[in-house]
C-alpha cells in the first residue's frame, strides 16, 4: 500500500476517533465530517490509480 494511502488512512482513523466524542461543537463535528469525506475520496482516487 503506498505511503500516501497509509497516511490518509491514519488521518481518517484519527478523525473517526474524534467524531466519537460527545462534547464536540456542531461546527467542529461538521468540519471533521467534511475532512473525513475528503480523505475517503482521496483514498478512493489513489486506489483507482494503482
N, C-alpha and C. Protein backbone atom coordinates (compact mmCIF):
# COMPACT_ATOMS: atom_id res chain seq x y z
N UNK A 1 0.86 -1.17 0.00
CA UNK A 1 0.00 0.00 0.00
C UNK A 1 0.90 1.24 0.00
N UNK A 2 0.66 2.13 -0.93
CA UNK A 2 1.50 3.32 -1.00
C UNK A 2 1.45 4.14 0.30
N UNK A 3 2.53 4.85 0.54
CA UNK A 3 2.64 5.64 1.77
C UNK A 3 1.55 6.69 1.87
N UNK A 4 1.16 7.29 0.76
CA UNK A 4 0.14 8.34 0.80
C UNK A 4 -1.20 7.78 1.29
N UNK A 5 -1.55 6.59 0.82
CA UNK A 5 -2.81 5.97 1.27
C UNK A 5 -2.72 5.62 2.75
N UNK A 6 -1.59 5.09 3.18
CA UNK A 6 -1.41 4.77 4.60
C UNK A 6 -1.56 6.01 5.45
N UNK A 7 -0.97 7.10 4.99
CA UNK A 7 -1.05 8.36 5.73
C UNK A 7 -2.51 8.84 5.82
N UNK A 8 -3.22 8.80 4.70
CA UNK A 8 -4.62 9.23 4.70
C UNK A 8 -5.48 8.33 5.58
N UNK A 9 -5.19 7.04 5.58
CA UNK A 9 -5.96 6.13 6.44
C UNK A 9 -5.70 6.41 7.91
N UNK A 10 -4.46 6.79 8.26
CA UNK A 10 -4.15 7.15 9.64
C UNK A 10 -4.89 8.42 10.04
N UNK A 11 -4.94 9.38 9.15
CA UNK A 11 -5.69 10.62 9.41
C UNK A 11 -7.16 10.29 9.59
N UNK A 12 -7.70 9.46 8.72
CA UNK A 12 -9.11 9.09 8.79
C UNK A 12 -9.42 8.38 10.12
N UNK A 13 -8.54 7.51 10.56
CA UNK A 13 -8.74 6.81 11.83
C UNK A 13 -8.76 7.81 12.99
N UNK A 14 -7.88 8.78 12.95
CA UNK A 14 -7.84 9.80 14.00
C UNK A 14 -9.12 10.63 14.00
N UNK A 15 -9.58 11.01 12.81
CA UNK A 15 -10.82 11.78 12.70
C UNK A 15 -11.98 10.97 13.25
N UNK A 16 -12.05 9.68 12.90
CA UNK A 16 -13.14 8.85 13.38
C UNK A 16 -13.15 8.75 14.90
N UNK A 17 -11.95 8.68 15.50
CA UNK A 17 -11.88 8.68 16.97
C UNK A 17 -12.41 9.98 17.55
N UNK A 18 -12.05 11.09 16.93
CA UNK A 18 -12.52 12.39 17.41
C UNK A 18 -14.03 12.51 17.26
N UNK A 19 -14.58 11.95 16.19
CA UNK A 19 -16.02 12.03 15.98
C UNK A 19 -16.81 11.24 17.01
N UNK A 20 -16.16 10.32 17.72
CA UNK A 20 -16.83 9.54 18.75
C UNK A 20 -17.05 10.35 20.03
N UNK A 21 -16.38 11.50 20.14
CA UNK A 21 -16.53 12.32 21.34
C UNK A 21 -17.91 12.97 21.36
N UNK A 22 -18.51 12.99 22.53
CA UNK A 22 -19.84 13.57 22.68
C UNK A 22 -19.83 15.07 22.89
N UNK A 23 -18.68 15.63 23.25
CA UNK A 23 -18.62 17.04 23.60
C UNK A 23 -18.17 17.96 22.46
N UNK A 24 -18.23 17.47 21.23
CA UNK A 24 -17.82 18.30 20.09
C UNK A 24 -18.89 19.35 19.77
N UNK A 25 -18.44 20.53 19.44
CA UNK A 25 -19.37 21.56 18.97
C UNK A 25 -19.88 21.14 17.59
N UNK A 26 -21.09 21.53 17.24
CA UNK A 26 -21.65 21.13 15.95
C UNK A 26 -20.77 21.54 14.76
N UNK A 27 -20.18 22.74 14.82
CA UNK A 27 -19.34 23.17 13.70
C UNK A 27 -18.05 22.36 13.62
N UNK A 28 -17.53 21.93 14.76
CA UNK A 28 -16.34 21.08 14.76
C UNK A 28 -16.68 19.70 14.19
N UNK A 29 -17.84 19.18 14.57
CA UNK A 29 -18.28 17.88 14.05
C UNK A 29 -18.47 17.95 12.53
N UNK A 30 -19.07 19.04 12.05
CA UNK A 30 -19.26 19.21 10.61
C UNK A 30 -17.92 19.28 9.87
N UNK A 31 -16.99 20.03 10.44
CA UNK A 31 -15.66 20.15 9.83
C UNK A 31 -14.97 18.79 9.76
N UNK A 32 -15.00 18.05 10.86
CA UNK A 32 -14.37 16.73 10.88
C UNK A 32 -15.03 15.79 9.89
N UNK A 33 -16.36 15.87 9.77
CA UNK A 33 -17.07 15.00 8.83
C UNK A 33 -16.68 15.33 7.39
N UNK A 34 -16.59 16.62 7.08
CA UNK A 34 -16.18 17.03 5.72
C UNK A 34 -14.75 16.58 5.43
N UNK A 35 -13.88 16.70 6.44
CA UNK A 35 -12.49 16.28 6.27
C UNK A 35 -12.41 14.77 6.07
N UNK A 36 -13.20 14.02 6.82
CA UNK A 36 -13.23 12.56 6.67
C UNK A 36 -13.73 12.19 5.27
N UNK A 37 -14.75 12.87 4.80
CA UNK A 37 -15.26 12.61 3.45
C UNK A 37 -14.19 12.88 2.40
N UNK A 38 -13.44 13.96 2.58
CA UNK A 38 -12.37 14.30 1.64
C UNK A 38 -11.26 13.24 1.68
N UNK A 39 -10.94 12.74 2.87
CA UNK A 39 -9.93 11.68 2.99
C UNK A 39 -10.39 10.42 2.27
N UNK A 40 -11.65 10.04 2.47
CA UNK A 40 -12.19 8.85 1.80
C UNK A 40 -12.13 9.01 0.29
N UNK A 41 -12.49 10.19 -0.21
CA UNK A 41 -12.45 10.44 -1.65
C UNK A 41 -11.02 10.37 -2.18
N UNK A 42 -10.09 10.94 -1.45
CA UNK A 42 -8.68 10.90 -1.87
C UNK A 42 -8.16 9.47 -1.88
N UNK A 43 -8.53 8.68 -0.87
CA UNK A 43 -8.10 7.27 -0.83
C UNK A 43 -8.67 6.52 -2.03
N UNK A 44 -9.95 6.74 -2.32
CA UNK A 44 -10.56 6.07 -3.49
C UNK A 44 -9.86 6.47 -4.78
N UNK A 45 -9.59 7.76 -4.94
CA UNK A 45 -8.92 8.24 -6.16
C UNK A 45 -7.53 7.62 -6.30
N UNK A 46 -6.79 7.56 -5.21
CA UNK A 46 -5.46 6.98 -5.26
C UNK A 46 -5.53 5.48 -5.54
N UNK A 47 -6.49 4.80 -4.94
CA UNK A 47 -6.62 3.36 -5.15
C UNK A 47 -6.98 3.04 -6.59
N UNK A 48 -7.78 3.89 -7.22
CA UNK A 48 -8.16 3.66 -8.62
C UNK A 48 -6.95 3.76 -9.52
N UNK A 49 -6.04 4.65 -9.16
CA UNK A 49 -4.83 4.85 -10.00
C UNK A 49 -3.82 3.73 -9.87
N UNK A 50 -3.97 2.87 -8.87
CA UNK A 50 -3.00 1.77 -8.69
C UNK A 50 -3.19 0.66 -9.69
